[in-house]
């Protein structure tokens, strides 16, 4: 079997969740602050990215972080371009940790229009995907955000996600389609109902050989996305933590049968640059254990 086929088999059949380690330029300072590294601890963007790579390396190389509980990890391009212990990050994840590497490919959000933020254009997408394949990457992730229950906006956001998603599928990768519903959306349940209808419409239009994953906000109506999870074109439905604490995110996730976590901030909650390695590893182990348990429902 090829590496891709082995990775596909793992994501399809094994228990676990997806670790989101893909904070990019705009969200990196906040991620570092939460980790105990303030802006005055680094000078300029290059040093900032070096410091965040140190944080990610500490997480990835921790004995708590392994393929027994983690299916896949989402990386930012800057992280994919760097190495861990002398090996390119994506290859280290798969070859040393048995964790499937996924690459964030979007370039951020456009301004709010019709109650949503579409993705900005993604220039040079094809060369980026080819580079990802050379690095042994299995799939991609791209995020847009729903702020209001606006039918036109939600149709546009799902349409854009699937249009680009099909380009990614055509190049031999599995896209994670992420139309996030902001947890502060004033009509969140209604927005999720509209989103659900658009997702089913787009999933039903996929061809037999087009496989996607979905990354969705934990819904107000439990098991709202059960038919998406069961859909033959869907490899996995994963949940973002979206600003909920890890405890609340885990509680909500445990009520969604067949949905697994893809947490970022909730995964790293409680980790600090100032911790000793034993304390860091124990904190990460407890976090992974709780998210793994919530994902197995």
Protein backbone atom coordinates (compact mmCIF):
# COMPACT_ATOMS: atom_id res chain seq x y z
CA UNK A 1 0.00 0.00 0.00
CA UNK A 2 1.13 3.55 -0.67
CA UNK A 3 1.68 6.03 2.13
CA UNK A 4 -1.57 7.79 1.13
CA UNK A 5 -3.51 4.50 1.26
CA UNK A 6 -2.08 3.69 4.69
CA UNK A 7 -3.01 7.16 5.92
CA UNK A 8 -6.53 6.82 4.47
CA UNK A 9 -6.95 3.44 6.16
CA UNK A 10 -5.87 4.93 9.49
CA UNK A 11 -8.26 7.89 9.33
CA UNK A 12 -11.12 5.63 8.18
CA UNK A 13 -10.77 2.86 10.73
CA UNK A 14 -8.84 3.88 13.86
CA UNK A 15 -10.09 5.68 16.95
CA UNK A 16 -8.66 9.08 17.83
CA UNK A 17 -8.90 12.75 17.00
CA UNK A 18 -7.21 15.48 14.96
CA UNK A 19 -4.74 17.85 16.61
CA UNK A 20 -4.94 21.36 15.13
CA UNK A 21 -1.43 22.89 15.27
CA UNK A 22 -2.02 25.36 12.46
CA UNK A 23 -2.10 28.85 13.98
CA UNK A 24 -0.80 31.12 11.22
CA UNK A 25 0.57 34.66 11.11
CA UNK A 26 -2.44 36.43 12.58
CA UNK A 27 -3.15 33.99 15.41
CA UNK A 28 0.44 33.10 16.34
CA UNK A 29 1.05 35.96 18.85
CA UNK A 30 -2.06 34.93 20.82
CA UNK A 31 -1.03 31.26 20.76
CA UNK A 32 2.41 32.21 22.08
CA UNK A 33 0.93 34.48 24.77
CA UNK A 34 -1.26 31.63 26.03
CA UNK A 35 1.89 29.49 26.09
CA UNK A 36 3.66 32.09 28.24
CA UNK A 37 5.77 33.74 25.53
CA UNK A 38 4.96 37.47 25.31
CA UNK A 39 5.57 39.71 22.28
CA UNK A 40 8.66 41.25 23.90
CA UNK A 41 10.29 37.80 23.96
CA UNK A 42 10.86 37.84 20.19
CA UNK A 43 11.79 40.41 17.56
CA UNK A 44 10.06 40.23 14.19
CA UNK A 45 8.07 37.64 12.30
CA UNK A 46 10.89 35.19 11.64
CA UNK A 47 11.75 34.91 15.33
CA UNK A 48 8.04 34.64 16.16
CA UNK A 49 7.70 31.67 13.82
CA UNK A 50 10.84 30.11 15.27
CA UNK A 51 9.37 30.38 18.77
CA UNK A 52 6.03 28.88 17.76
CA UNK A 53 7.87 26.05 15.99
CA UNK A 54 9.68 25.38 19.26
CA UNK A 55 6.28 25.13 20.97
CA UNK A 56 4.90 22.78 18.31
CA UNK A 57 8.08 20.68 18.38
CA UNK A 58 7.73 20.30 22.14
CA UNK A 59 4.13 19.14 21.70
CA UNK A 60 4.83 16.78 18.78
CA UNK A 61 7.92 15.17 20.38
CA UNK A 62 6.20 14.69 23.75
CA UNK A 63 5.69 11.01 24.64
CA UNK A 64 2.03 11.89 25.24
CA UNK A 65 1.58 12.88 21.57
CA UNK A 66 1.27 9.67 19.56
CA UNK A 67 -0.68 7.88 16.90
CA UNK A 68 -2.42 5.66 19.44
CA UNK A 69 -4.79 8.53 20.29
CA UNK A 70 -4.17 11.12 17.56
CA UNK A 71 -5.23 10.34 14.00
CA UNK A 72 -3.87 13.43 12.29
CA UNK A 73 -2.32 16.85 12.89
CA UNK A 74 -3.01 20.04 10.93
CA UNK A 75 0.04 22.15 10.11
CA UNK A 76 0.63 25.72 8.91
CA UNK A 77 2.79 25.95 5.76
CA UNK A 78 5.64 27.54 7.74
CA UNK A 79 5.64 24.48 10.02
CA UNK A 80 5.64 22.06 7.06
CA UNK A 81 8.70 23.90 5.71
CA UNK A 82 10.61 23.33 8.97
CA UNK A 83 12.14 20.22 10.52
CA UNK A 84 11.79 18.28 13.75
CA UNK A 85 14.85 16.33 14.87
CA UNK A 86 16.38 16.69 11.39
CA UNK A 87 13.32 15.46 9.48
CA UNK A 88 10.67 17.55 7.66
CA UNK A 89 7.75 18.07 10.05
CA UNK A 90 5.10 16.22 8.02
CA UNK A 91 7.39 13.23 7.51
CA UNK A 92 8.33 13.23 11.19
CA UNK A 93 4.64 13.09 12.13
CA UNK A 94 3.92 10.11 9.90
CA UNK A 95 7.18 8.16 10.08
CA UNK A 96 8.02 8.70 13.76
CA UNK A 97 4.59 9.20 15.34
CA UNK A 98 2.16 7.42 12.99
CA UNK A 99 0.12 10.65 12.78
CA UNK A 100 -1.36 11.71 9.43
CA UNK A 101 -0.16 15.19 8.31
CA UNK A 102 -2.68 17.74 7.01
CA UNK A 103 -1.88 21.23 5.69
CA UNK A 104 -3.82 24.46 6.22
CA UNK A 105 -4.04 26.11 2.79
CA UNK A 106 -6.33 29.13 3.16
CA UNK A 107 -4.91 32.66 3.25
CA UNK A 108 -7.29 34.14 5.81
CA UNK A 109 -10.74 35.68 5.76
CA UNK A 110 -12.38 38.36 3.64
CA UNK A 111 -14.46 41.10 5.26
CA UNK A 112 -17.97 40.26 6.47
CA UNK A 113 -20.57 40.26 3.69
CA UNK A 114 -24.08 38.77 3.92
CA UNK A 115 -23.29 37.71 7.49
CA UNK A 116 -20.28 35.56 6.56
CA UNK A 117 -16.55 35.80 5.95
CA UNK A 118 -15.54 33.98 2.80
CA UNK A 119 -11.96 32.89 2.26
CA UNK A 120 -9.61 35.31 0.59
CA UNK A 121 -8.31 34.10 -2.80
CA UNK A 122 -5.68 31.37 -2.54
CA UNK A 123 -2.99 32.24 -5.10
CA UNK A 124 -0.58 29.50 -6.16
CA UNK A 125 -2.79 26.79 -4.66
CA UNK A 126 -1.65 24.10 -7.08
CA UNK A 127 2.11 24.54 -6.42
CA UNK A 128 1.39 24.52 -2.68
CA UNK A 129 -0.56 21.25 -3.02
CA UNK A 130 2.23 19.71 -5.09
CA UNK A 131 4.74 20.71 -2.40
CA UNK A 132 2.46 19.20 0.23
CA UNK A 133 2.29 15.90 -1.67
CA UNK A 134 6.09 15.80 -1.93
CA UNK A 135 6.16 16.19 1.86
CA UNK A 136 3.83 13.21 2.32
CA UNK A 137 0.81 15.32 3.32
CA UNK A 138 -2.55 13.51 3.17
CA UNK A 139 -5.04 16.36 3.09
CA UNK A 140 -5.75 20.05 3.54
CA UNK A 141 -7.80 22.39 5.70
CA UNK A 142 -9.41 25.74 4.84
CA UNK A 143 -11.59 27.90 7.08
CA UNK A 144 -14.35 30.43 6.55
CA UNK A 145 -16.75 31.83 9.17
CA UNK A 146 -20.52 32.25 9.51
CA UNK A 147 -21.55 35.20 11.71
CA UNK A 148 -25.31 35.29 11.05
CA UNK A 149 -28.12 33.01 9.83
CA UNK A 150 -28.09 34.57 6.38
CA UNK A 151 -29.22 32.06 3.68
CA UNK A 152 -27.39 33.78 0.81
CA UNK A 153 -24.18 34.13 2.81
CA UNK A 154 -24.23 30.53 4.00
CA UNK A 155 -24.91 29.21 0.49
CA UNK A 156 -21.96 31.29 -0.76
CA UNK A 157 -19.61 30.06 1.95
CA UNK A 158 -20.42 26.37 1.40
CA UNK A 159 -20.26 26.82 -2.38
CA UNK A 160 -16.80 28.37 -2.16
CA UNK A 161 -15.55 25.63 0.17
CA UNK A 162 -16.71 22.83 -2.12
CA UNK A 163 -15.50 24.51 -5.30
CA UNK A 164 -11.96 24.73 -3.93
CA UNK A 165 -12.35 21.36 -2.22
CA UNK A 166 -12.97 19.68 -5.57
CA UNK A 167 -9.78 21.24 -6.97
CA UNK A 168 -7.90 19.74 -4.02
CA UNK A 169 -9.49 16.31 -4.56
CA UNK A 170 -8.50 16.42 -8.24
CA UNK A 171 -4.85 16.70 -7.18
CA UNK A 172 -5.05 13.62 -4.99
CA UNK A 173 -5.54 15.09 -1.50
CA UNK A 174 -8.47 14.97 0.93
CA UNK A 175 -9.78 18.44 1.86
CA UNK A 176 -11.17 19.35 5.26
CA UNK A 177 -14.02 21.74 4.51
CA UNK A 178 -14.48 24.14 7.46
CA UNK A 179 -17.43 26.55 7.39
CA UNK A 180 -17.20 27.54 11.06
CA UNK A 181 -20.29 28.94 12.79
CA UNK A 182 -19.10 31.60 15.24
CA UNK A 183 -20.12 30.45 18.74
CA UNK A 184 -21.27 34.03 19.41
CA UNK A 185 -23.62 34.00 16.40
CA UNK A 186 -26.91 35.44 17.77
CA UNK A 187 -29.00 32.86 15.87
CA UNK A 188 -26.53 29.97 16.00
CA UNK A 189 -29.07 27.12 15.85
CA UNK A 190 -30.78 28.65 12.80
CA UNK A 191 -27.42 29.25 11.09
CA UNK A 192 -26.49 25.60 11.73
CA UNK A 193 -29.78 24.40 10.24
CA UNK A 194 -29.13 26.42 7.08
CA UNK A 195 -25.52 25.18 6.97
CA UNK A 196 -26.63 21.56 7.35
CA UNK A 197 -28.99 21.85 4.36
CA UNK A 198 -26.26 23.39 2.17
CA UNK A 199 -23.72 20.75 3.19
CA UNK A 200 -26.05 17.89 2.25
CA UNK A 201 -26.81 19.55 -1.09
CA UNK A 202 -23.09 19.84 -1.90
CA UNK A 203 -22.19 16.38 -0.60
CA UNK A 204 -24.92 14.78 -2.73
CA UNK A 205 -23.44 16.50 -5.80
CA UNK A 206 -19.97 14.97 -5.34
CA UNK A 207 -18.86 12.15 -7.61
CA UNK A 208 -18.18 8.65 -6.32
CA UNK A 209 -14.40 9.23 -6.24
CA UNK A 210 -14.57 12.61 -4.44
CA UNK A 211 -13.93 12.22 -0.72
CA UNK A 212 -13.94 15.08 1.80
CA UNK A 213 -13.82 15.71 5.53
CA UNK A 214 -15.89 18.32 7.36
CA UNK A 215 -14.78 20.50 10.28
CA UNK A 216 -17.78 22.00 12.03
CA UNK A 217 -18.68 23.98 15.13
CA UNK A 218 -20.20 21.91 17.93
CA UNK A 219 -23.94 22.30 17.22
CA UNK A 220 -26.80 23.45 19.43
CA UNK A 221 -28.93 20.49 18.28
CA UNK A 222 -27.16 17.28 19.24
CA UNK A 223 -26.40 14.93 16.33
CA UNK A 224 -27.49 17.54 13.78
CA UNK A 225 -24.75 16.31 11.46
CA UNK A 226 -25.44 12.55 11.82
CA UNK A 227 -26.36 12.25 8.12
CA UNK A 228 -23.13 14.03 7.15
CA UNK A 229 -21.15 11.56 9.27
CA UNK A 230 -22.92 8.67 7.52
CA UNK A 231 -22.58 10.18 4.02
CA UNK A 232 -20.58 7.97 1.62
CA UNK A 233 -18.51 10.96 0.38
CA UNK A 234 -17.44 11.95 3.92
CA UNK A 235 -14.33 10.41 5.43
CA UNK A 236 -14.73 12.05 8.87
CA UNK A 237 -16.62 14.88 10.54
CA UNK A 238 -14.45 16.69 13.07
CA UNK A 239 -15.36 19.42 15.55
CA UNK A 240 -13.56 22.67 16.25
CA UNK A 241 -13.48 23.97 19.82
CA UNK A 242 -14.30 27.48 18.58
CA UNK A 243 -13.55 29.34 21.79
CA UNK A 244 -15.26 26.94 24.18
CA UNK A 245 -13.13 25.82 27.11
CA UNK A 246 -11.77 22.29 26.79
CA UNK A 247 -14.23 21.11 29.43
CA UNK A 248 -17.27 22.54 27.62
CA UNK A 249 -15.98 21.48 24.20
CA UNK A 250 -15.52 17.91 25.47
CA UNK A 251 -18.99 17.88 27.04
CA UNK A 252 -20.60 19.07 23.80
CA UNK A 253 -18.52 16.69 21.67
CA UNK A 254 -19.38 13.64 23.80
CA UNK A 255 -23.05 14.18 22.86
CA UNK A 256 -22.31 14.04 19.09
CA UNK A 257 -22.19 10.38 18.06
CA UNK A 258 -19.45 9.68 15.51
CA UNK A 259 -18.01 13.21 15.55
CA UNK A 260 -14.39 13.55 16.67
CA UNK A 261 -12.35 16.51 17.91
CA UNK A 262 -10.08 18.76 15.91
CA UNK A 263 -9.14 21.11 18.73
CA UNK A 264 -6.45 23.78 18.71
CA UNK A 265 -6.59 26.12 21.69
CA UNK A 266 -8.51 23.53 23.75
CA UNK A 267 -5.73 20.99 23.08
CA UNK A 268 -2.92 23.27 24.26
CA UNK A 269 -4.89 24.76 27.17
CA UNK A 270 -2.71 24.70 30.31
CA UNK A 271 0.61 24.21 28.50
CA UNK A 272 3.37 26.68 29.29
CA UNK A 273 6.92 27.39 28.16
CA UNK A 274 7.81 27.69 31.83
CA UNK A 275 6.74 24.13 32.71
CA UNK A 276 9.32 21.42 33.32
CA UNK A 277 9.20 18.60 30.78
CA UNK A 278 7.47 16.19 33.22
CA UNK A 279 4.80 18.80 34.07
CA UNK A 280 4.36 19.71 30.39
CA UNK A 281 4.01 16.06 29.35
CA UNK A 282 1.58 15.28 32.18
CA UNK A 283 -0.61 18.27 31.28
CA UNK A 284 -0.60 17.35 27.59
CA UNK A 285 -1.32 13.70 28.39
CA UNK A 286 -4.36 14.63 30.49
CA UNK A 287 -5.61 16.95 27.74
CA UNK A 288 -5.20 14.30 25.04
CA UNK A 289 -6.86 11.65 27.23
CA UNK A 290 -9.94 13.80 27.85
CA UNK A 291 -10.31 14.78 24.16
CA UNK A 292 -9.78 11.16 23.03
CA UNK A 293 -12.49 9.99 25.41
CA UNK A 294 -14.95 12.67 24.23
CA UNK A 295 -14.21 11.71 20.60
CA UNK A 296 -15.10 8.05 21.16
CA UNK A 297 -18.86 8.38 21.41
